[in-house]
Amino acid sequence: MSINSRYDYINYRFQRATESFEEALILAENKRWNAVVNRLYYSCFYAVIALLLRNNIETQTHDGARIQFSLHFIKTGKIEPEYGKLFSKLFDFIQKGDYGDLYDYDEDLVAPLIDKVKDFLDELKTHIQ
């Protein structure tokens, strides 16, 4: 993909969000729950980065993205608090699942997150367009 403008970069980031979500669905079919958590988190992360860029807010870290998202969208009431909680929860989950030893997620915990992330992406898309 050729990125020639800020608009192209925003679209690229949201496209990555969508692709990561699709990867999560494939992994869920194969019951790879730790990997599903990872792809769900990155789906949200890429969407948040697209939203921040759309609003001329730049950040360099995952924590920075969470803080800026909360500050500019959750605390202002532009986006429902449940989405901020979901994003933070997924961040905490990947910390345990990706970096913690002997920590495995299961279907009961992870499967319900799939629809929540889909709603998250739909919500952020309305704010990006």
C-alpha atoms as a PDB file:
ATOM      1  CA  MET A   1       0.000   0.000   0.000  1.00  0.00           C
ATOM      2  CA  SER A   2       1.241   3.415  -0.903  1.00  0.00           C
ATOM      3  CA  ILE A   3       0.840   6.049   1.792  1.00  0.00           C
ATOM      4  CA  ASN A   4       0.864   9.538   0.323  1.00  0.00           C
ATOM      5  CA  SER A   5      -1.056  11.500   2.910  1.00  0.00           C
ATOM      6  CA  ARG A   6      -2.217  11.573   6.504  1.00  0.00           C
ATOM      7  CA  TYR A   7      -5.613  10.368   5.259  1.00  0.00           C
ATOM      8  CA  ASP A   8      -3.949   7.329   3.640  1.00  0.00           C
ATOM      9  CA  TYR A   9      -2.149   6.564   6.894  1.00  0.00           C
ATOM     10  CA  ILE A  10      -5.389   6.796   8.895  1.00  0.00           C
ATOM     11  CA  ASN A  11      -7.069   4.428   6.440  1.00  0.00           C
ATOM     12  CA  TYR A  12      -4.086   2.081   6.577  1.00  0.00           C
ATOM     13  CA  ARG A  13      -4.267   1.910  10.373  1.00  0.00           C
ATOM     14  CA  PHE A  14      -7.988   1.186  10.323  1.00  0.00           C
ATOM     15  CA  GLN A  15      -7.459  -1.440   7.639  1.00  0.00           C
ATOM     16  CA  ARG A  16      -4.895  -3.099   9.940  1.00  0.00           C
ATOM     17  CA  ALA A  17      -7.523  -3.006  12.707  1.00  0.00           C
ATOM     18  CA  THR A  18      -9.965  -4.840  10.457  1.00  0.00           C
ATOM     19  CA  GLU A  19      -7.358  -7.384   9.355  1.00  0.00           C
ATOM     20  CA  SER A  20      -6.342  -8.070  12.957  1.00  0.00           C
ATOM     21  CA  PHE A  21      -9.989  -8.657  13.847  1.00  0.00           C
ATOM     22  CA  GLU A  22     -10.347 -11.083  10.932  1.00  0.00           C
ATOM     23  CA  GLU A  23      -7.208 -12.901  12.127  1.00  0.00           C
ATOM     24  CA  ALA A  24      -8.794 -13.183  15.589  1.00  0.00           C
ATOM     25  CA  LEU A  25     -11.829 -14.878  14.041  1.00  0.00           C
ATOM     26  CA  ILE A  26      -9.647 -17.430  12.266  1.00  0.00           C
ATOM     27  CA  LEU A  27      -7.718 -18.128  15.450  1.00  0.00           C
ATOM     28  CA  ALA A  28     -10.965 -18.478  17.427  1.00  0.00           C
ATOM     29  CA  GLU A  29     -12.141 -21.157  15.005  1.00  0.00           C
ATOM     30  CA  ASN A  30      -8.978 -23.049  15.920  1.00  0.00           C
ATOM     31  CA  LYS A  31      -9.376 -22.349  19.647  1.00  0.00           C
ATOM     32  CA  ARG A  32      -6.081 -20.459  19.962  1.00  0.00           C
ATOM     33  CA  TRP A  33      -7.365 -18.237  22.736  1.00  0.00           C
ATOM     34  CA  ASN A  34      -4.126 -16.501  23.749  1.00  0.00           C
ATOM     35  CA  ALA A  35      -3.540 -15.567  20.121  1.00  0.00           C
ATOM     36  CA  VAL A  36      -7.162 -14.411  19.796  1.00  0.00           C
ATOM     37  CA  VAL A  37      -6.626 -12.048  22.732  1.00  0.00           C
ATOM     38  CA  ASN A  38      -3.494 -10.690  21.069  1.00  0.00           C
ATOM     39  CA  ARG A  39      -5.233 -10.036  17.738  1.00  0.00           C
ATOM     40  CA  LEU A  40      -8.294  -8.504  19.440  1.00  0.00           C
ATOM     41  CA  TYR A  41      -6.073  -6.120  21.367  1.00  0.00           C
ATOM     42  CA  TYR A  42      -4.144  -5.105  18.261  1.00  0.00           C
ATOM     43  CA  SER A  43      -7.383  -4.632  16.368  1.00  0.00           C
ATOM     44  CA  CYS A  44      -8.480  -2.111  18.998  1.00  0.00           C
ATOM     45  CA  PHE A  45      -5.017  -0.548  19.198  1.00  0.00           C
ATOM     46  CA  TYR A  46      -4.809   0.095  15.454  1.00  0.00           C
ATOM     47  CA  ALA A  47      -8.335   1.550  15.465  1.00  0.00           C
ATOM     48  CA  VAL A  48      -7.443   3.848  18.364  1.00  0.00           C
ATOM     49  CA  ILE A  49      -4.307   5.001  16.551  1.00  0.00           C
ATOM     50  CA  ALA A  50      -6.420   5.772  13.461  1.00  0.00           C
ATOM     51  CA  LEU A  51      -8.868   7.733  15.612  1.00  0.00           C
ATOM     52  CA  LEU A  52      -6.110   9.674  17.334  1.00  0.00           C
ATOM     53  CA  LEU A  53      -4.434  10.495  14.015  1.00  0.00           C
ATOM     54  CA  ARG A  54      -7.777  11.600  12.572  1.00  0.00           C
ATOM     55  CA  ASN A  55      -7.924  14.093  15.433  1.00  0.00           C
ATOM     56  CA  ASN A  56      -4.285  15.205  15.112  1.00  0.00           C
ATOM     57  CA  ILE A  57      -3.241  13.456  18.322  1.00  0.00           C
ATOM     58  CA  GLU A  58       0.037  11.595  18.104  1.00  0.00           C
ATOM     59  CA  THR A  59       1.479   9.114  20.554  1.00  0.00           C
ATOM     60  CA  GLN A  60       4.505   6.845  20.565  1.00  0.00           C
ATOM     61  CA  THR A  61       3.507   4.068  22.974  1.00  0.00           C
ATOM     62  CA  HIS A  62       0.675   1.718  23.808  1.00  0.00           C
ATOM     63  CA  ASP A  63       0.215   3.429  27.178  1.00  0.00           C
ATOM     64  CA  GLY A  64       0.196   6.774  25.419  1.00  0.00           C
ATOM     65  CA  ALA A  65      -2.544   5.567  23.085  1.00  0.00           C
ATOM     66  CA  ARG A  66      -4.642   4.375  26.025  1.00  0.00           C
ATOM     67  CA  ILE A  67      -4.135   7.639  27.903  1.00  0.00           C
ATOM     68  CA  GLN A  68      -4.922   9.865  24.912  1.00  0.00           C
ATOM     69  CA  PHE A  69      -7.964   7.770  23.966  1.00  0.00           C
ATOM     70  CA  SER A  70      -9.303   8.072  27.492  1.00  0.00           C
ATOM     71  CA  LEU A  71      -8.502  11.760  27.818  1.00  0.00           C
ATOM     72  CA  HIS A  72      -9.929  12.923  24.489  1.00  0.00           C
ATOM     73  CA  PHE A  73     -12.786  10.479  23.893  1.00  0.00           C
ATOM     74  CA  ILE A  74     -13.872   8.635  27.031  1.00  0.00           C
ATOM     75  CA  LYS A  75     -13.657  11.411  29.610  1.00  0.00           C
ATOM     76  CA  THR A  76     -15.253  13.904  27.212  1.00  0.00           C
ATOM     77  CA  GLY A  77     -18.224  11.590  26.636  1.00  0.00           C
ATOM     78  CA  LYS A  78     -17.624  11.297  22.888  1.00  0.00           C
ATOM     79  CA  ILE A  79     -17.243   7.535  23.296  1.00  0.00           C
ATOM     80  CA  GLU A  80     -18.899   5.335  25.919  1.00  0.00           C
ATOM     81  CA  PRO A  81     -16.770   4.342  28.943  1.00  0.00           C
ATOM     82  CA  GLU A  82     -17.346   0.645  28.210  1.00  0.00           C
ATOM     83  CA  TYR A  83     -15.024   0.965  25.201  1.00  0.00           C
ATOM     84  CA  GLY A  84     -12.251   2.471  27.282  1.00  0.00           C
ATOM     85  CA  LYS A  85     -12.625  -0.362  29.784  1.00  0.00           C
ATOM     86  CA  LEU A  86     -12.532  -2.945  26.999  1.00  0.00           C
ATOM     87  CA  PHE A  87      -9.354  -1.469  25.522  1.00  0.00           C
ATOM     88  CA  SER A  88      -7.643  -1.426  28.927  1.00  0.00           C
ATOM     89  CA  LYS A  89      -8.841  -4.949  29.732  1.00  0.00           C
ATOM     90  CA  LEU A  90      -7.425  -6.309  26.474  1.00  0.00           C
ATOM     91  CA  PHE A  91      -4.125  -4.545  27.150  1.00  0.00           C
ATOM     92  CA  ASP A  92      -3.934  -6.214  30.569  1.00  0.00           C
ATOM     93  CA  PHE A  93      -4.840  -9.559  29.018  1.00  0.00           C
ATOM     94  CA  ILE A  94      -2.060  -9.427  26.423  1.00  0.00           C
ATOM     95  CA  GLN A  95       0.438  -8.574  29.119  1.00  0.00           C
ATOM     96  CA  LYS A  96      -0.493 -11.799  30.922  1.00  0.00           C
ATOM     97  CA  GLY A  97      -1.045 -13.945  27.840  1.00  0.00           C
ATOM     98  CA  ASP A  98       1.962 -12.832  25.809  1.00  0.00           C
ATOM     99  CA  TYR A  99       4.504 -12.263  28.559  1.00  0.00           C
ATOM    100  CA  GLY A 100       3.314 -14.281  31.543  1.00  0.00           C
ATOM    101  CA  ASP A 101       4.366 -17.860  32.043  1.00  0.00           C
ATOM    102  CA  LEU A 102       1.788 -20.620  32.232  1.00  0.00           C
ATOM    103  CA  TYR A 103      -1.155 -18.342  31.535  1.00  0.00           C
ATOM    104  CA  ASP A 104      -3.741 -19.676  29.119  1.00  0.00           C
ATOM    105  CA  TYR A 105      -7.042 -18.098  28.205  1.00  0.00           C
ATOM    106  CA  ASP A 106     -10.113 -20.167  27.515  1.00  0.00           C
ATOM    107  CA  GLU A 107     -13.143 -19.908  25.288  1.00  0.00           C
ATOM    108  CA  ASP A 108     -15.503 -18.854  28.095  1.00  0.00           C
ATOM    109  CA  LEU A 109     -13.447 -15.746  28.799  1.00  0.00           C
ATOM    110  CA  VAL A 110     -12.364 -14.817  25.271  1.00  0.00           C
ATOM    111  CA  ALA A 111     -15.271 -15.677  22.955  1.00  0.00           C
ATOM    112  CA  PRO A 112     -17.584 -12.963  24.378  1.00  0.00           C
ATOM    113  CA  LEU A 113     -14.900 -10.367  23.683  1.00  0.00           C
ATOM    114  CA  ILE A 114     -15.159 -10.924  19.938  1.00  0.00           C
ATOM    115  CA  ASP A 115     -18.551  -9.225  19.588  1.00  0.00           C
ATOM    116  CA  LYS A 116     -17.460  -6.456  21.948  1.00  0.00           C
ATOM    117  CA  VAL A 117     -14.411  -5.726  19.783  1.00  0.00           C
ATOM    118  CA  LYS A 118     -16.598  -5.725  16.664  1.00  0.00           C
ATOM    119  CA  ASP A 119     -18.802  -3.099  18.328  1.00  0.00           C
ATOM    120  CA  PHE A 120     -15.668  -1.161  19.359  1.00  0.00           C
ATOM    121  CA  LEU A 121     -14.466  -1.062  15.746  1.00  0.00           C
ATOM    122  CA  ASP A 122     -17.888   0.004  14.487  1.00  0.00           C
ATOM    123  CA  GLU A 123     -18.020   2.804  17.066  1.00  0.00           C
ATOM    124  CA  LEU A 124     -14.546   4.114  16.288  1.00  0.00           C
ATOM    125  CA  LYS A 125     -15.203   3.940  12.553  1.00  0.00           C
ATOM    126  CA  THR A 126     -18.082   6.400  12.968  1.00  0.00           C
ATOM    127  CA  HIS A 127     -15.701   8.850  14.634  1.00  0.00           C
ATOM    128  CA  ILE A 128     -12.992   8.412  12.020  1.00  0.00           C
ATOM    129  CA  GLN A 129     -15.160   8.982   8.943  1.00  0.00           C
END
